[in-house]
All heavy atoms as atom14 arrays in JSON, in Angstrom:
{
  "sequence": "NLRSNGRAVSPGYFYKTAQNWLEDGIDTPALAESRICELEKTDAF",
  "atom14_mask": [
    [1, 1, 1, 1, 1, 1, 1, 1, 0, 0, 0, 0, 0, 0],
    [1, 1, 1, 1, 1, 1, 1, 1, 0, 0, 0, 0, 0, 0],
    [1, 1, 1, 1, 1, 1, 1, 1, 1, 1, 1, 0, 0, 0],
    [1, 1, 1, 1, 1, 1, 0, 0, 0, 0, 0, 0, 0, 0],
    [1, 1, 1, 1, 1, 1, 1, 1, 0, 0, 0, 0, 0, 0],
    [1, 1, 1, 1, 0, 0, 0, 0, 0, 0, 0, 0, 0, 0],
    [1, 1, 1, 1, 1, 1, 1, 1, 1, 1, 1, 0, 0, 0],
    [1, 1, 1, 1, 1, 0, 0, 0, 0, 0, 0, 0, 0, 0],
    [1, 1, 1, 1, 1, 1, 1, 0, 0, 0, 0, 0, 0, 0],
    [1, 1, 1, 1, 1, 1, 0, 0, 0, 0, 0, 0, 0, 0],
    [1, 1, 1, 1, 1, 1, 1, 0, 0, 0, 0, 0, 0, 0],
    [1, 1, 1, 1, 0, 0, 0, 0, 0, 0, 0, 0, 0, 0],
    [1, 1, 1, 1, 1, 1, 1, 1, 1, 1, 1, 1, 0, 0],
    [1, 1, 1, 1, 1, 1, 1, 1, 1, 1, 1, 0, 0, 0],
    [1, 1, 1, 1, 1, 1, 1, 1, 1, 1, 1, 1, 0, 0],
    [1, 1, 1, 1, 1, 1, 1, 1, 1, 0, 0, 0, 0, 0],
    [1, 1, 1, 1, 1, 1, 1, 0, 0, 0, 0, 0, 0, 0],
    [1, 1, 1, 1, 1, 0, 0, 0, 0, 0, 0, 0, 0, 0],
    [1, 1, 1, 1, 1, 1, 1, 1, 1, 0, 0, 0, 0, 0],
    [1, 1, 1, 1, 1, 1, 1, 1, 0, 0, 0, 0, 0, 0],
    [1, 1, 1, 1, 1, 1, 1, 1, 1, 1, 1, 1, 1, 1],
    [1, 1, 1, 1, 1, 1, 1, 1, 0, 0, 0, 0, 0, 0],
    [1, 1, 1, 1, 1, 1, 1, 1, 1, 0, 0, 0, 0, 0],
    [1, 1, 1, 1, 1, 1, 1, 1, 0, 0, 0, 0, 0, 0],
    [1, 1, 1, 1, 0, 0, 0, 0, 0, 0, 0, 0, 0, 0],
    [1, 1, 1, 1, 1, 1, 1, 1, 0, 0, 0, 0, 0, 0],
    [1, 1, 1, 1, 1, 1, 1, 1, 0, 0, 0, 0, 0, 0],
    [1, 1, 1, 1, 1, 1, 1, 0, 0, 0, 0, 0, 0, 0],
    [1, 1, 1, 1, 1, 1, 1, 0, 0, 0, 0, 0, 0, 0],
    [1, 1, 1, 1, 1, 0, 0, 0, 0, 0, 0, 0, 0, 0],
    [1, 1, 1, 1, 1, 1, 1, 1, 0, 0, 0, 0, 0, 0],
    [1, 1, 1, 1, 1, 0, 0, 0, 0, 0, 0, 0, 0, 0],
    [1, 1, 1, 1, 1, 1, 1, 1, 1, 0, 0, 0, 0, 0],
    [1, 1, 1, 1, 1, 1, 0, 0, 0, 0, 0, 0, 0, 0],
    [1, 1, 1, 1, 1, 1, 1, 1, 1, 1, 1, 0, 0, 0],
    [1, 1, 1, 1, 1, 1, 1, 1, 0, 0, 0, 0, 0, 0],
    [1, 1, 1, 1, 1, 1, 0, 0, 0, 0, 0, 0, 0, 0],
    [1, 1, 1, 1, 1, 1, 1, 1, 1, 0, 0, 0, 0, 0],
    [1, 1, 1, 1, 1, 1, 1, 1, 0, 0, 0, 0, 0, 0],
    [1, 1, 1, 1, 1, 1, 1, 1, 1, 0, 0, 0, 0, 0],
    [1, 1, 1, 1, 1, 1, 1, 1, 1, 0, 0, 0, 0, 0],
    [1, 1, 1, 1, 1, 1, 1, 0, 0, 0, 0, 0, 0, 0],
    [1, 1, 1, 1, 1, 1, 1, 1, 0, 0, 0, 0, 0, 0],
    [1, 1, 1, 1, 1, 0, 0, 0, 0, 0, 0, 0, 0, 0],
    [1, 1, 1, 1, 1, 1, 1, 1, 1, 1, 1, 0, 0, 0]
  ],
  "atom14_positions": [
    [[-1.01, -7.3, 6.74], [-1.83, -8.16, 6.06], [-1.2, -8.97, 4.97], [-1.48, -10.2, 4.81], [-3.02, -7.32, 5.47], [-4.11, -8.23, 4.87], [-4.66, -9.21, 5.49], [-4.41, -8.11, 3.65], [0.0, 0.0, 0.0], [0.0, 0.0, 0.0], [0.0, 0.0, 0.0], [0.0, 0.0, 0.0], [0.0, 0.0, 0.0], [0.0, 0.0, 0.0]],
    [[-0.29, -8.33, 4.19], [0.49, -9.05, 3.17], [1.33, -10.13, 3.83], [1.44, -11.3, 3.38], [1.32, -8.07, 2.44], [0.7, -7.06, 1.51], [1.77, -6.16, 0.87], [-0.2, -7.7, 0.45], [0.0, 0.0, 0.0], [0.0, 0.0, 0.0], [0.0, 0.0, 0.0], [0.0, 0.0, 0.0], [0.0, 0.0, 0.0], [0.0, 0.0, 0.0]],
    [[2.02, -9.77, 4.92], [2.86, -10.69, 5.61], [2.09, -11.85, 6.16], [2.62, -13.05, 6.09], [3.73, -9.97, 6.72], [4.83, -10.71, 7.27], [5.64, -9.99, 8.23], [4.99, -9.95, 9.5], [5.17, -10.85, 10.51], [5.91, -11.86, 10.35], [4.52, -10.67, 11.57], [0.0, 0.0, 0.0], [0.0, 0.0, 0.0], [0.0, 0.0, 0.0]],
    [[1.0, -11.65, 6.75], [0.09, -12.74, 7.28], [-0.36, -13.69, 6.28], [-0.69, -14.75, 6.48], [-1.08, -12.11, 8.08], [-1.84, -11.43, 7.21], [0.0, 0.0, 0.0], [0.0, 0.0, 0.0], [0.0, 0.0, 0.0], [0.0, 0.0, 0.0], [0.0, 0.0, 0.0], [0.0, 0.0, 0.0], [0.0, 0.0, 0.0], [0.0, 0.0, 0.0]],
    [[-0.47, -13.18, 4.91], [-0.87, -13.99, 3.76], [0.33, -14.66, 3.18], [0.29, -15.14, 2.02], [-1.57, -13.23, 2.78], [-2.95, -12.77, 3.32], [-3.64, -13.58, 4.08], [-3.42, -11.62, 2.99], [0.0, 0.0, 0.0], [0.0, 0.0, 0.0], [0.0, 0.0, 0.0], [0.0, 0.0, 0.0], [0.0, 0.0, 0.0], [0.0, 0.0, 0.0]],
    [[1.52, -14.63, 3.78], [2.68, -15.35, 3.31], [3.49, -14.58, 2.36], [4.5, -15.2, 1.76], [0.0, 0.0, 0.0], [0.0, 0.0, 0.0], [0.0, 0.0, 0.0], [0.0, 0.0, 0.0], [0.0, 0.0, 0.0], [0.0, 0.0, 0.0], [0.0, 0.0, 0.0], [0.0, 0.0, 0.0], [0.0, 0.0, 0.0], [0.0, 0.0, 0.0]],
    [[3.32, -13.27, 2.31], [4.18, -12.39, 1.39], [5.35, -11.85, 2.28], [5.18, -11.39, 3.33], [3.28, -11.34, 0.83], [2.11, -11.8, 0.01], [2.43, -11.85, -1.46], [2.76, -10.57, -1.88], [1.85, -9.69, -2.29], [0.52, -9.91, -2.11], [2.21, -8.44, -2.68], [0.0, 0.0, 0.0], [0.0, 0.0, 0.0], [0.0, 0.0, 0.0]],
    [[6.44, -11.75, 1.62], [7.66, -11.16, 2.28], [7.54, -9.6, 2.07], [7.33, -9.17, 0.99], [8.95, -11.54, 1.69], [0.0, 0.0, 0.0], [0.0, 0.0, 0.0], [0.0, 0.0, 0.0], [0.0, 0.0, 0.0], [0.0, 0.0, 0.0], [0.0, 0.0, 0.0], [0.0, 0.0, 0.0], [0.0, 0.0, 0.0], [0.0, 0.0, 0.0]],
    [[7.49, -8.89, 3.17], [7.47, -7.44, 3.21], [8.72, -6.87, 3.79], [9.01, -7.01, 4.86], [6.28, -6.98, 4.04], [6.14, -5.49, 4.03], [4.99, -7.61, 3.6], [0.0, 0.0, 0.0], [0.0, 0.0, 0.0], [0.0, 0.0, 0.0], [0.0, 0.0, 0.0], [0.0, 0.0, 0.0], [0.0, 0.0, 0.0], [0.0, 0.0, 0.0]],
    [[9.42, -6.23, 2.82], [10.74, -5.58, 3.21], [10.53, -4.09, 3.69], [9.54, -3.54, 3.14], [11.71, -5.7, 2.12], [11.42, -4.83, 1.0], [0.0, 0.0, 0.0], [0.0, 0.0, 0.0], [0.0, 0.0, 0.0], [0.0, 0.0, 0.0], [0.0, 0.0, 0.0], [0.0, 0.0, 0.0], [0.0, 0.0, 0.0], [0.0, 0.0, 0.0]],
    [[11.45, -3.54, 4.46], [11.41, -2.2, 4.71], [11.38, -1.32, 3.39], [10.83, -0.24, 3.24], [12.64, -1.9, 5.48], [12.91, -3.18, 6.18], [12.53, -4.27, 5.16], [0.0, 0.0, 0.0], [0.0, 0.0, 0.0], [0.0, 0.0, 0.0], [0.0, 0.0, 0.0], [0.0, 0.0, 0.0], [0.0, 0.0, 0.0], [0.0, 0.0, 0.0]],
    [[12.23, -1.8, 2.4], [12.28, -1.11, 1.08], [10.9, -0.96, 0.51], [10.6, 0.03, -0.12], [0.0, 0.0, 0.0], [0.0, 0.0, 0.0], [0.0, 0.0, 0.0], [0.0, 0.0, 0.0], [0.0, 0.0, 0.0], [0.0, 0.0, 0.0], [0.0, 0.0, 0.0], [0.0, 0.0, 0.0], [0.0, 0.0, 0.0], [0.0, 0.0, 0.0]],
    [[10.16, -2.0, 0.54], [8.72, -2.06, -0.07], [7.94, -1.06, 0.66], [7.16, -0.29, 0.04], [8.25, -3.45, 0.0], [6.69, -3.54, -0.5], [6.41, -3.62, -1.86], [5.67, -3.47, 0.45], [5.1, -3.56, -2.25], [4.32, -3.43, 0.06], [4.09, -3.49, -1.37], [2.81, -3.47, -1.82], [0.0, 0.0, 0.0], [0.0, 0.0, 0.0]],
    [[7.99, -0.99, 2.0], [7.21, -0.2, 2.85], [7.46, 1.25, 2.45], [6.55, 2.09, 2.21], [7.34, -0.43, 4.31], [6.86, 0.6, 5.22], [5.54, 0.77, 5.49], [7.85, 1.57, 5.7], [5.12, 1.8, 6.27], [7.33, 2.62, 6.51], [5.98, 2.66, 6.79], [0.0, 0.0, 0.0], [0.0, 0.0, 0.0], [0.0, 0.0, 0.0]],
    [[8.8, 1.6, 2.41], [9.27, 2.97, 2.2], [8.91, 3.41, 0.8], [8.52, 4.58, 0.6], [10.69, 3.1, 2.48], [11.21, 4.54, 2.61], [10.51, 5.41, 3.48], [12.24, 4.99, 1.87], [10.98, 6.71, 3.6], [12.65, 6.39, 1.91], [12.02, 7.13, 2.8], [12.45, 8.47, 2.94], [0.0, 0.0, 0.0], [0.0, 0.0, 0.0]],
    [[9.12, 2.56, -0.14], [8.78, 2.94, -1.67], [7.25, 3.22, -1.75], [6.86, 4.27, -2.36], [9.16, 1.79, -2.56], [8.88, 2.1, -3.92], [9.69, 3.31, -4.45], [9.43, 3.54, -5.99], [10.11, 4.76, -6.47], [0.0, 0.0, 0.0], [0.0, 0.0, 0.0], [0.0, 0.0, 0.0], [0.0, 0.0, 0.0], [0.0, 0.0, 0.0]],
    [[6.39, 2.38, -1.08], [4.95, 2.6, -1.14], [4.67, 3.94, -0.4], [3.79, 4.69, -0.92], [4.26, 1.45, -0.42], [4.64, 0.23, -0.98], [2.74, 1.64, -0.54], [0.0, 0.0, 0.0], [0.0, 0.0, 0.0], [0.0, 0.0, 0.0], [0.0, 0.0, 0.0], [0.0, 0.0, 0.0], [0.0, 0.0, 0.0], [0.0, 0.0, 0.0]],
    [[5.25, 4.22, 0.65], [5.04, 5.48, 1.33], [5.38, 6.6, 0.56], [4.69, 7.76, 0.44], [5.83, 5.45, 2.63], [0.0, 0.0, 0.0], [0.0, 0.0, 0.0], [0.0, 0.0, 0.0], [0.0, 0.0, 0.0], [0.0, 0.0, 0.0], [0.0, 0.0, 0.0], [0.0, 0.0, 0.0], [0.0, 0.0, 0.0], [0.0, 0.0, 0.0]],
    [[6.51, 6.51, -0.22], [6.94, 7.62, -1.19], [5.93, 7.86, -2.21], [5.52, 9.01, -2.54], [8.32, 7.36, -1.83], [9.5, 7.5, -0.88], [10.68, 7.13, -1.61], [10.87, 6.12, -2.22], [11.8, 7.94, -1.37], [0.0, 0.0, 0.0], [0.0, 0.0, 0.0], [0.0, 0.0, 0.0], [0.0, 0.0, 0.0], [0.0, 0.0, 0.0]],
    [[5.33, 6.83, -2.76], [4.3, 6.96, -3.78], [3.12, 7.57, -3.18], [2.5, 8.38, -3.89], [3.97, 5.52, -4.34], [5.09, 4.93, -5.16], [5.88, 5.65, -5.77], [5.16, 3.58, -5.2], [0.0, 0.0, 0.0], [0.0, 0.0, 0.0], [0.0, 0.0, 0.0], [0.0, 0.0, 0.0], [0.0, 0.0, 0.0], [0.0, 0.0, 0.0]],
    [[2.69, 7.26, -2.05], [1.62, 7.95, -1.32], [1.8, 9.39, -1.2], [0.91, 10.23, -1.42], [1.32, 7.22, 0.03], [0.66, 5.93, -0.09], [0.72, 5.02, -1.16], [-0.13, 5.2, 0.92], [0.0, 3.89, -0.94], [-0.51, 4.06, 0.36], [-0.55, 5.59, 2.16], [-1.26, 3.07, 1.13], [-1.31, 4.67, 2.87], [-1.66, 3.5, 2.33]],
    [[3.1, 9.74, -0.78], [3.35, 11.09, -0.56], [3.2, 11.96, -1.88], [2.66, 13.03, -1.91], [4.72, 11.26, 0.03], [4.86, 10.97, 1.46], [6.43, 10.78, 1.83], [4.31, 12.01, 2.42], [0.0, 0.0, 0.0], [0.0, 0.0, 0.0], [0.0, 0.0, 0.0], [0.0, 0.0, 0.0], [0.0, 0.0, 0.0], [0.0, 0.0, 0.0]],
    [[3.84, 11.35, -2.91], [3.79, 12.01, -4.23], [2.41, 12.13, -4.71], [2.07, 13.11, -5.54], [4.66, 11.24, -5.23], [6.15, 11.27, -4.82], [6.96, 10.36, -5.77], [6.46, 9.69, -6.6], [8.18, 10.37, -5.5], [0.0, 0.0, 0.0], [0.0, 0.0, 0.0], [0.0, 0.0, 0.0], [0.0, 0.0, 0.0], [0.0, 0.0, 0.0]],
    [[1.52, 11.18, -4.4], [0.1, 11.23, -4.88], [-0.8, 11.94, -3.98], [-2.06, 12.01, -4.2], [-0.42, 9.82, -5.15], [0.35, 9.05, -6.24], [0.97, 9.78, -7.0], [0.28, 7.81, -6.29], [0.0, 0.0, 0.0], [0.0, 0.0, 0.0], [0.0, 0.0, 0.0], [0.0, 0.0, 0.0], [0.0, 0.0, 0.0], [0.0, 0.0, 0.0]],
    [[-0.28, 12.54, -2.96], [-1.17, 13.29, -1.96], [-1.94, 12.46, -1.08], [-3.04, 12.92, -0.7], [0.0, 0.0, 0.0], [0.0, 0.0, 0.0], [0.0, 0.0, 0.0], [0.0, 0.0, 0.0], [0.0, 0.0, 0.0], [0.0, 0.0, 0.0], [0.0, 0.0, 0.0], [0.0, 0.0, 0.0], [0.0, 0.0, 0.0], [0.0, 0.0, 0.0]],
    [[-1.67, 11.27, -0.85], [-2.38, 10.31, 0.07], [-2.09, 10.8, 1.53], [-1.16, 10.32, 2.19], [-2.1, 8.86, -0.05], [-2.15, 8.52, -1.59], [-2.94, 8.04, 0.73], [-3.53, 8.6, -2.14], [0.0, 0.0, 0.0], [0.0, 0.0, 0.0], [0.0, 0.0, 0.0], [0.0, 0.0, 0.0], [0.0, 0.0, 0.0], [0.0, 0.0, 0.0]],
    [[-2.95, 11.76, 2.06], [-2.62, 12.35, 3.39], [-3.78, 12.3, 4.33], [-3.79, 13.04, 5.36], [-2.1, 13.73, 3.19], [-3.04, 14.6, 2.42], [-4.15, 14.14, 2.03], [-2.76, 15.81, 2.11], [0.0, 0.0, 0.0], [0.0, 0.0, 0.0], [0.0, 0.0, 0.0], [0.0, 0.0, 0.0], [0.0, 0.0, 0.0], [0.0, 0.0, 0.0]],
    [[-4.85, 11.47, 3.97], [-5.98, 11.28, 4.89], [-6.34, 9.88, 4.98], [-6.03, 9.13, 4.06], [-7.25, 12.15, 4.39], [-7.63, 11.51, 3.18], [-6.9, 13.51, 4.2], [0.0, 0.0, 0.0], [0.0, 0.0, 0.0], [0.0, 0.0, 0.0], [0.0, 0.0, 0.0], [0.0, 0.0, 0.0], [0.0, 0.0, 0.0], [0.0, 0.0, 0.0]],
    [[-6.94, 9.48, 6.01], [-7.38, 8.06, 6.17], [-8.35, 7.58, 4.98], [-8.24, 6.51, 4.58], [-8.15, 7.99, 7.53], [-7.48, 9.04, 8.27], [-7.2, 10.11, 7.41], [0.0, 0.0, 0.0], [0.0, 0.0, 0.0], [0.0, 0.0, 0.0], [0.0, 0.0, 0.0], [0.0, 0.0, 0.0], [0.0, 0.0, 0.0], [0.0, 0.0, 0.0]],
    [[-9.23, 8.54, 4.53], [-10.06, 8.16, 3.51], [-9.31, 7.86, 2.14], [-9.63, 6.91, 1.46], [-11.07, 9.25, 3.27], [0.0, 0.0, 0.0], [0.0, 0.0, 0.0], [0.0, 0.0, 0.0], [0.0, 0.0, 0.0], [0.0, 0.0, 0.0], [0.0, 0.0, 0.0], [0.0, 0.0, 0.0], [0.0, 0.0, 0.0], [0.0, 0.0, 0.0]],
    [[-8.4, 8.75, 1.8], [-7.54, 8.55, 0.73], [-6.7, 7.26, 0.76], [-6.51, 6.55, -0.14], [-6.61, 9.74, 0.27], [-7.36, 11.08, -0.06], [-6.4, 12.18, -0.13], [-7.98, 10.81, -1.42], [0.0, 0.0, 0.0], [0.0, 0.0, 0.0], [0.0, 0.0, 0.0], [0.0, 0.0, 0.0], [0.0, 0.0, 0.0], [0.0, 0.0, 0.0]],
    [[-6.15, 7.0, 2.02], [-5.34, 5.8, 2.17], [-6.25, 4.59, 2.06], [-5.79, 3.59, 1.45], [-4.87, 5.88, 3.68], [0.0, 0.0, 0.0], [0.0, 0.0, 0.0], [0.0, 0.0, 0.0], [0.0, 0.0, 0.0], [0.0, 0.0, 0.0], [0.0, 0.0, 0.0], [0.0, 0.0, 0.0], [0.0, 0.0, 0.0], [0.0, 0.0, 0.0]],
    [[-7.51, 4.56, 2.5], [-8.32, 3.47, 2.34], [-8.7, 3.18, 0.95], [-8.73, 2.03, 0.48], [-9.71, 3.7, 3.21], [-10.7, 2.62, 3.08], [-10.22, 1.3, 3.73], [-9.47, 1.46, 4.75], [-10.71, 0.33, 3.36], [0.0, 0.0, 0.0], [0.0, 0.0, 0.0], [0.0, 0.0, 0.0], [0.0, 0.0, 0.0], [0.0, 0.0, 0.0]],
    [[-8.92, 4.27, 0.17], [-9.22, 4.07, -1.23], [-7.96, 3.44, -1.92], [-8.16, 2.58, -2.8], [-9.5, 5.47, -1.86], [-9.6, 5.35, -3.22], [0.0, 0.0, 0.0], [0.0, 0.0, 0.0], [0.0, 0.0, 0.0], [0.0, 0.0, 0.0], [0.0, 0.0, 0.0], [0.0, 0.0, 0.0], [0.0, 0.0, 0.0], [0.0, 0.0, 0.0]],
    [[-6.74, 3.98, -1.53], [-5.56, 3.39, -2.22], [-5.31, 1.98, -1.82], [-4.96, 1.15, -2.74], [-4.31, 4.24, -1.86], [-2.91, 3.76, -2.4], [-2.92, 3.59, -3.89], [-3.17, 4.85, -4.59], [-2.14, 5.68, -4.93], [-0.9, 5.42, -4.62], [-2.52, 6.81, -5.63], [0.0, 0.0, 0.0], [0.0, 0.0, 0.0], [0.0, 0.0, 0.0]],
    [[-5.52, 1.65, -0.56], [-5.41, 0.24, -0.11], [-6.38, -0.62, -0.89], [-5.88, -1.86, -1.33], [-5.57, 0.16, 1.36], [-4.42, 0.77, 2.14], [-5.75, -1.34, 1.77], [-4.56, 0.9, 3.63], [0.0, 0.0, 0.0], [0.0, 0.0, 0.0], [0.0, 0.0, 0.0], [0.0, 0.0, 0.0], [0.0, 0.0, 0.0], [0.0, 0.0, 0.0]],
    [[-7.56, -0.25, -1.15], [-8.58, -0.97, -1.94], [-7.99, -1.27, -3.33], [-8.03, -2.4, -3.85], [-9.89, -0.34, -1.99], [-10.83, -0.35, -0.46], [0.0, 0.0, 0.0], [0.0, 0.0, 0.0], [0.0, 0.0, 0.0], [0.0, 0.0, 0.0], [0.0, 0.0, 0.0], [0.0, 0.0, 0.0], [0.0, 0.0, 0.0], [0.0, 0.0, 0.0]],
    [[-7.43, -0.25, -3.94], [-6.79, -0.38, -5.31], [-5.71, -1.37, -5.31], [-5.56, -2.27, -6.1], [-6.26, 0.9, -5.85], [-7.35, 1.96, -6.05], [-6.76, 3.34, -6.5], [-5.54, 3.34, -6.77], [-7.58, 4.33, -6.6], [0.0, 0.0, 0.0], [0.0, 0.0, 0.0], [0.0, 0.0, 0.0], [0.0, 0.0, 0.0], [0.0, 0.0, 0.0]],
    [[-4.83, -1.32, -4.26], [-3.68, -2.2, -4.17], [-4.16, -3.68, -3.92], [-3.54, -4.51, -4.52], [-2.78, -1.74, -2.9], [-2.02, -0.44, -3.08], [-1.34, -0.04, -1.76], [-1.01, -0.59, -4.23], [0.0, 0.0, 0.0], [0.0, 0.0, 0.0], [0.0, 0.0, 0.0], [0.0, 0.0, 0.0], [0.0, 0.0, 0.0], [0.0, 0.0, 0.0]],
    [[-5.06, -3.84, -3.13], [-5.59, -5.22, -2.9], [-6.18, -5.8, -4.13], [-6.06, -7.04, -4.34], [-6.61, -5.08, -1.76], [-6.02, -4.97, -0.26], [-6.97, -4.78, 0.78], [-8.23, -4.57, 0.48], [-6.51, -4.89, 1.96], [0.0, 0.0, 0.0], [0.0, 0.0, 0.0], [0.0, 0.0, 0.0], [0.0, 0.0, 0.0], [0.0, 0.0, 0.0]],
    [[-6.93, -5.04, -4.8], [-7.54, -5.49, -6.12], [-6.43, -5.91, -7.16], [-6.47, -6.9, -7.73], [-8.4, -4.41, -6.79], [-9.74, -4.24, -6.14], [-10.6, -3.09, -6.69], [-11.79, -2.91, -6.02], [-12.6, -1.77, -6.62], [0.0, 0.0, 0.0], [0.0, 0.0, 0.0], [0.0, 0.0, 0.0], [0.0, 0.0, 0.0], [0.0, 0.0, 0.0]],
    [[-5.36, -5.01, -7.2], [-4.24, -5.33, -8.08], [-3.54, -6.59, -7.64], [-3.15, -7.43, -8.43], [-3.25, -4.18, -8.22], [-4.02, -2.93, -8.59], [-2.2, -4.43, -9.18], [0.0, 0.0, 0.0], [0.0, 0.0, 0.0], [0.0, 0.0, 0.0], [0.0, 0.0, 0.0], [0.0, 0.0, 0.0], [0.0, 0.0, 0.0], [0.0, 0.0, 0.0]],
    [[-3.37, -6.76, -6.26], [-2.72, -7.88, -5.75], [-3.43, -9.16, -6.05], [-2.91, -10.21, -6.38], [-2.62, -7.76, -4.17], [-1.54, -6.74, -3.81], [-0.64, -6.4, -4.63], [-1.6, -6.22, -2.68], [0.0, 0.0, 0.0], [0.0, 0.0, 0.0], [0.0, 0.0, 0.0], [0.0, 0.0, 0.0], [0.0, 0.0, 0.0], [0.0, 0.0, 0.0]],
    [[-4.8, -9.11, -5.97], [-5.6, -10.33, -6.13], [-5.5, -10.69, -7.66], [-5.41, -11.84, -8.0], [-7.09, -10.01, -5.8], [0.0, 0.0, 0.0], [0.0, 0.0, 0.0], [0.0, 0.0, 0.0], [0.0, 0.0, 0.0], [0.0, 0.0, 0.0], [0.0, 0.0, 0.0], [0.0, 0.0, 0.0], [0.0, 0.0, 0.0], [0.0, 0.0, 0.0]],
    [[-5.58, -9.63, -8.58], [-5.53, -9.9, -9.95], [-4.15, -10.5, -10.32], [-4.01, -11.41, -11.12], [-5.69, -8.63, -10.8], [-5.65, -8.79, -12.24], [-6.68, -9.44, -12.95], [-4.57, -8.41, -12.99], [-6.63, -9.51, -14.3], [-4.45, -8.55, -14.31], [-5.51, -9.2, -14.95], [0.0, 0.0, 0.0], [0.0, 0.0, 0.0], [0.0, 0.0, 0.0]]
  ]
}
C-alpha cells in the first residue's frame, strides 16, 4: 500500500518493521491490524 502511494519500500524497511512487531508481540491478525492502523495514522500525520 505504501508503494502504491508512491513511497519507496526497501527490504530493510520491511525487515526492521517485522523485527519491531516480533519484539512487541504482534503475532495475531488482530494485533497486526491494530498496529497497521497506528502506522497509517502516524504516516498521515
